[in-house]
Amino acid sequence: MSNAIRYLMIGGLIIMTTGISTASEQAAKLTIVNPKNLYDPTPHGYSTAVVVPAQARVAYISGQGGQDSTGGLSPDFAVQVRQAYANLRAALEGLGARPDQVAKLTIFVVDHDMSKLEVLTSSVKEMFGATLPAQTLVPVPKLAVDGMLFEVEAVAVID
């Protein structure tokens, strides 16, 4: 094989490797959209929309409640919310994902009222920081397990 062909092949491999690395890094990058002509949702812990990159792998995480590792549930709403987000973080880690890769949350709150919003907002901001996912809150009369007051499910983009 001539030196010219050998150098072309090596150069092509370097370009391909660089291209693959860059594409992989961009694959997990979410684009948050909060149009200026709509109400700003960020003070309340969510974004209007999140765009998932083309060809991204998407993971659907089942609803995480406030049960601790033994299945125990605190009767306190705020404790359950914190535990549910800790459980969601553990599920993400199990996938090799981070909170900034979550595109969408759906949360379910038993007997929702406005007094619960402060707990919900502070918990989601603590976990997600400035990378707030799109989010929907669904008030419900009851969840799967007696005593369960909160549940969060997520859609995440993983590498």
C-alpha atoms as a PDB file:
ATOM      1  CA  MET A   1       0.000   0.000   0.000  1.00  0.00           C
ATOM      2  CA  SER A   2       1.377   3.405  -0.923  1.00  0.00           C
ATOM      3  CA  ASN A   3       2.145   6.039   1.693  1.00  0.00           C
ATOM      4  CA  ALA A   4      -0.438   8.396   0.124  1.00  0.00           C
ATOM      5  CA  ILE A   5      -3.239   5.864   0.601  1.00  0.00           C
ATOM      6  CA  ARG A   6      -2.047   5.028   4.111  1.00  0.00           C
ATOM      7  CA  TYR A   7      -2.126   8.765   5.087  1.00  0.00           C
ATOM      8  CA  LEU A   8      -5.582   9.186   3.551  1.00  0.00           C
ATOM      9  CA  MET A   9      -6.888   6.219   5.542  1.00  0.00           C
ATOM     10  CA  ILE A  10      -5.374   7.514   8.795  1.00  0.00           C
ATOM     11  CA  GLY A  11      -6.757  10.992   8.106  1.00  0.00           C
ATOM     12  CA  GLY A  12     -10.194   9.537   7.394  1.00  0.00           C
ATOM     13  CA  LEU A  13     -10.150   7.581  10.657  1.00  0.00           C
ATOM     14  CA  ILE A  14      -9.232  10.712  12.618  1.00  0.00           C
ATOM     15  CA  ILE A  15     -12.055  12.671  10.979  1.00  0.00           C
ATOM     16  CA  MET A  16     -14.549   9.843  11.578  1.00  0.00           C
ATOM     17  CA  THR A  17     -13.523   9.504  15.223  1.00  0.00           C
ATOM     18  CA  THR A  18     -13.801  13.249  15.791  1.00  0.00           C
ATOM     19  CA  GLY A  19     -17.198  13.309  14.070  1.00  0.00           C
ATOM     20  CA  ILE A  20     -18.527  10.416  16.137  1.00  0.00           C
ATOM     21  CA  SER A  21     -17.423  12.015  19.391  1.00  0.00           C
ATOM     22  CA  THR A  22     -19.029  15.338  18.544  1.00  0.00           C
ATOM     23  CA  ALA A  23     -22.294  13.718  17.406  1.00  0.00           C
ATOM     24  CA  SER A  24     -22.432  11.635  20.584  1.00  0.00           C
ATOM     25  CA  GLU A  25     -21.931  14.665  22.801  1.00  0.00           C
ATOM     26  CA  GLN A  26     -24.674  16.569  20.966  1.00  0.00           C
ATOM     27  CA  ALA A  27     -27.100  13.636  21.050  1.00  0.00           C
ATOM     28  CA  ALA A  28     -27.942  14.102  24.729  1.00  0.00           C
ATOM     29  CA  LYS A  29     -28.256  17.911  24.548  1.00  0.00           C
ATOM     30  CA  LEU A  30     -31.842  19.057  25.059  1.00  0.00           C
ATOM     31  CA  THR A  31     -33.109  22.398  23.795  1.00  0.00           C
ATOM     32  CA  ILE A  32     -35.373  24.219  26.242  1.00  0.00           C
ATOM     33  CA  VAL A  33     -37.968  26.538  24.704  1.00  0.00           C
ATOM     34  CA  ASN A  34     -39.840  29.215  26.647  1.00  0.00           C
ATOM     35  CA  PRO A  35     -41.406  31.544  24.060  1.00  0.00           C
ATOM     36  CA  LYS A  36     -41.372  35.211  25.091  1.00  0.00           C
ATOM     37  CA  ASN A  37     -45.055  35.620  24.161  1.00  0.00           C
ATOM     38  CA  LEU A  38     -46.135  32.971  26.704  1.00  0.00           C
ATOM     39  CA  TYR A  39     -46.220  33.036  30.497  1.00  0.00           C
ATOM     40  CA  ASP A  40     -42.737  32.341  31.960  1.00  0.00           C
ATOM     41  CA  PRO A  41     -43.015  28.977  33.747  1.00  0.00           C
ATOM     42  CA  THR A  42     -39.453  28.856  35.126  1.00  0.00           C
ATOM     43  CA  PRO A  43     -40.261  30.442  38.519  1.00  0.00           C
ATOM     44  CA  HIS A  44     -42.612  27.489  39.023  1.00  0.00           C
ATOM     45  CA  GLY A  45     -40.028  24.856  38.149  1.00  0.00           C
ATOM     46  CA  TYR A  46     -40.754  23.847  34.568  1.00  0.00           C
ATOM     47  CA  SER A  47     -40.264  24.795  30.917  1.00  0.00           C
ATOM     48  CA  THR A  48     -42.879  25.263  28.209  1.00  0.00           C
ATOM     49  CA  ALA A  49     -41.259  22.795  25.814  1.00  0.00           C
ATOM     50  CA  VAL A  50     -38.130  20.703  25.394  1.00  0.00           C
ATOM     51  CA  VAL A  51     -36.791  19.561  22.029  1.00  0.00           C
ATOM     52  CA  VAL A  52     -35.102  16.154  21.913  1.00  0.00           C
ATOM     53  CA  PRO A  53     -32.279  15.817  19.374  1.00  0.00           C
ATOM     54  CA  ALA A  54     -32.776  13.684  16.277  1.00  0.00           C
ATOM     55  CA  GLN A  55     -31.773  10.034  16.674  1.00  0.00           C
ATOM     56  CA  ALA A  56     -31.636  10.307  20.466  1.00  0.00           C
ATOM     57  CA  ARG A  57     -32.373   7.260  22.597  1.00  0.00           C
ATOM     58  CA  VAL A  58     -35.362   7.895  24.827  1.00  0.00           C
ATOM     59  CA  ALA A  59     -36.002   6.211  28.182  1.00  0.00           C
ATOM     60  CA  TYR A  60     -39.403   6.155  29.869  1.00  0.00           C
ATOM     61  CA  ILE A  61     -39.118   5.973  33.640  1.00  0.00           C
ATOM     62  CA  SER A  62     -42.088   4.580  35.536  1.00  0.00           C
ATOM     63  CA  GLY A  63     -43.739   6.638  38.220  1.00  0.00           C
ATOM     64  CA  GLN A  64     -41.573   6.980  41.307  1.00  0.00           C
ATOM     65  CA  GLY A  65     -43.386   7.423  44.590  1.00  0.00           C
ATOM     66  CA  GLY A  66     -42.196   8.446  48.002  1.00  0.00           C
ATOM     67  CA  GLN A  67     -41.387   4.927  49.234  1.00  0.00           C
ATOM     68  CA  ASP A  68     -38.002   4.441  50.853  1.00  0.00           C
ATOM     69  CA  SER A  69     -35.838   1.391  50.096  1.00  0.00           C
ATOM     70  CA  THR A  70     -37.923  -0.749  52.484  1.00  0.00           C
ATOM     71  CA  GLY A  71     -41.224   0.333  50.891  1.00  0.00           C
ATOM     72  CA  GLY A  72     -42.106   2.609  53.810  1.00  0.00           C
ATOM     73  CA  LEU A  73     -44.106   5.788  53.194  1.00  0.00           C
ATOM     74  CA  SER A  74     -44.027   8.893  55.338  1.00  0.00           C
ATOM     75  CA  PRO A  75     -47.455  10.473  55.899  1.00  0.00           C
ATOM     76  CA  ASP A  76     -45.835  13.877  55.188  1.00  0.00           C
ATOM     77  CA  PHE A  77     -46.318  15.225  51.636  1.00  0.00           C
ATOM     78  CA  ALA A  78     -42.963  17.094  51.525  1.00  0.00           C
ATOM     79  CA  VAL A  79     -41.050  14.011  52.706  1.00  0.00           C
ATOM     80  CA  GLN A  80     -42.697  11.882  50.017  1.00  0.00           C
ATOM     81  CA  VAL A  81     -41.871  14.440  47.314  1.00  0.00           C
ATOM     82  CA  ARG A  82     -38.192  14.565  48.338  1.00  0.00           C
ATOM     83  CA  GLN A  83     -38.017  10.755  48.459  1.00  0.00           C
ATOM     84  CA  ALA A  84     -39.728  10.401  45.073  1.00  0.00           C
ATOM     85  CA  TYR A  85     -37.165  12.722  43.482  1.00  0.00           C
ATOM     86  CA  ALA A  86     -34.364  10.775  45.186  1.00  0.00           C
ATOM     87  CA  ASN A  87     -35.890   7.610  43.696  1.00  0.00           C
ATOM     88  CA  LEU A  88     -36.064   9.273  40.269  1.00  0.00           C
ATOM     89  CA  ARG A  89     -32.397  10.266  40.565  1.00  0.00           C
ATOM     90  CA  ALA A  90     -31.521   6.627  41.396  1.00  0.00           C
ATOM     91  CA  ALA A  91     -33.499   5.418  38.355  1.00  0.00           C
ATOM     92  CA  LEU A  92     -31.641   7.913  36.147  1.00  0.00           C
ATOM     93  CA  GLU A  93     -28.293   6.806  37.561  1.00  0.00           C
ATOM     94  CA  GLY A  94     -29.279   3.204  36.833  1.00  0.00           C
ATOM     95  CA  LEU A  95     -29.613   4.233  33.177  1.00  0.00           C
ATOM     96  CA  GLY A  96     -26.346   6.146  33.228  1.00  0.00           C
ATOM     97  CA  ALA A  97     -28.304   9.391  32.842  1.00  0.00           C
ATOM     98  CA  ARG A  98     -28.314  12.758  34.606  1.00  0.00           C
ATOM     99  CA  PRO A  99     -31.173  15.087  35.585  1.00  0.00           C
ATOM    100  CA  ASP A 100     -30.259  17.481  32.751  1.00  0.00           C
ATOM    101  CA  GLN A 101     -31.211  14.702  30.314  1.00  0.00           C
ATOM    102  CA  VAL A 102     -34.856  14.635  31.466  1.00  0.00           C
ATOM    103  CA  ALA A 103     -37.106  16.139  28.812  1.00  0.00           C
ATOM    104  CA  LYS A 104     -40.528  15.657  30.433  1.00  0.00           C
ATOM    105  CA  LEU A 105     -42.038  15.011  33.841  1.00  0.00           C
ATOM    106  CA  THR A 106     -45.592  14.054  34.679  1.00  0.00           C
ATOM    107  CA  ILE A 107     -46.423  14.415  38.342  1.00  0.00           C
ATOM    108  CA  PHE A 108     -49.481  13.132  40.152  1.00  0.00           C
ATOM    109  CA  VAL A 109     -50.612  14.753  43.379  1.00  0.00           C
ATOM    110  CA  VAL A 110     -53.342  13.373  45.644  1.00  0.00           C
ATOM    111  CA  ASP A 111     -55.805  16.063  46.738  1.00  0.00           C
ATOM    112  CA  HIS A 112     -53.771  18.829  45.124  1.00  0.00           C
ATOM    113  CA  ASP A 113     -54.176  22.373  46.374  1.00  0.00           C
ATOM    114  CA  MET A 114     -52.120  25.538  45.951  1.00  0.00           C
ATOM    115  CA  SER A 115     -50.357  25.036  49.304  1.00  0.00           C
ATOM    116  CA  LYS A 116     -48.428  22.119  47.768  1.00  0.00           C
ATOM    117  CA  LEU A 117     -46.922  24.164  44.918  1.00  0.00           C
ATOM    118  CA  GLU A 118     -44.065  25.575  47.013  1.00  0.00           C
ATOM    119  CA  VAL A 119     -42.890  22.062  47.930  1.00  0.00           C
ATOM    120  CA  LEU A 120     -43.222  20.902  44.320  1.00  0.00           C
ATOM    121  CA  THR A 121     -41.418  23.929  42.873  1.00  0.00           C
ATOM    122  CA  SER A 122     -38.499  23.854  45.311  1.00  0.00           C
ATOM    123  CA  SER A 123     -38.017  20.096  44.846  1.00  0.00           C
ATOM    124  CA  VAL A 124     -37.929  20.226  41.049  1.00  0.00           C
ATOM    125  CA  LYS A 125     -35.588  23.248  41.041  1.00  0.00           C
ATOM    126  CA  GLU A 126     -33.280  21.498  43.509  1.00  0.00           C
ATOM    127  CA  MET A 127     -33.012  18.438  41.284  1.00  0.00           C
ATOM    128  CA  PHE A 128     -32.933  20.079  37.843  1.00  0.00           C
ATOM    129  CA  GLY A 129     -31.402  23.522  38.456  1.00  0.00           C
ATOM    130  CA  ALA A 130     -31.678  25.720  35.368  1.00  0.00           C
ATOM    131  CA  THR A 131     -32.371  22.757  33.044  1.00  0.00           C
ATOM    132  CA  LEU A 132     -36.062  22.548  33.858  1.00  0.00           C
ATOM    133  CA  PRO A 133     -37.946  19.839  31.938  1.00  0.00           C
ATOM    134  CA  ALA A 134     -41.402  20.262  30.464  1.00  0.00           C
ATOM    135  CA  GLN A 135     -43.872  19.222  33.143  1.00  0.00           C
ATOM    136  CA  THR A 136     -47.528  18.415  33.687  1.00  0.00           C
ATOM    137  CA  LEU A 137     -49.197  18.208  37.096  1.00  0.00           C
ATOM    138  CA  VAL A 138     -52.215  15.922  37.321  1.00  0.00           C
ATOM    139  CA  PRO A 139     -54.381  16.139  40.462  1.00  0.00           C
ATOM    140  CA  VAL A 140     -55.711  12.685  41.385  1.00  0.00           C
ATOM    141  CA  PRO A 141     -57.963  11.323  44.138  1.00  0.00           C
ATOM    142  CA  LYS A 142     -55.731   8.297  44.816  1.00  0.00           C
ATOM    143  CA  LEU A 143     -52.523   6.583  43.677  1.00  0.00           C
ATOM    144  CA  ALA A 144     -51.548   2.895  43.416  1.00  0.00           C
ATOM    145  CA  VAL A 145     -50.587   2.382  47.064  1.00  0.00           C
ATOM    146  CA  ASP A 146     -52.607   3.500  50.093  1.00  0.00           C
ATOM    147  CA  GLY A 147     -50.931   6.477  51.720  1.00  0.00           C
ATOM    148  CA  MET A 148     -49.075   7.479  48.549  1.00  0.00           C
ATOM    149  CA  LEU A 149     -49.480  11.254  48.045  1.00  0.00           C
ATOM    150  CA  PHE A 150     -47.087  11.953  45.164  1.00  0.00           C
ATOM    151  CA  GLU A 151     -45.681  10.225  42.082  1.00  0.00           C
ATOM    152  CA  VAL A 152     -43.344  11.436  39.310  1.00  0.00           C
ATOM    153  CA  GLU A 153     -42.669   9.788  35.968  1.00  0.00           C
ATOM    154  CA  ALA A 154     -40.041  10.949  33.501  1.00  0.00           C
ATOM    155  CA  VAL A 155     -38.944  10.809  29.894  1.00  0.00           C
ATOM    156  CA  ALA A 156     -35.166  11.072  29.551  1.00  0.00           C
ATOM    157  CA  VAL A 157     -32.764  11.259  26.617  1.00  0.00           C
ATOM    158  CA  ILE A 158     -29.813   8.972  27.179  1.00  0.00           C
ATOM    159  CA  ASP A 159     -26.438   8.667  25.434  1.00  0.00           C
END
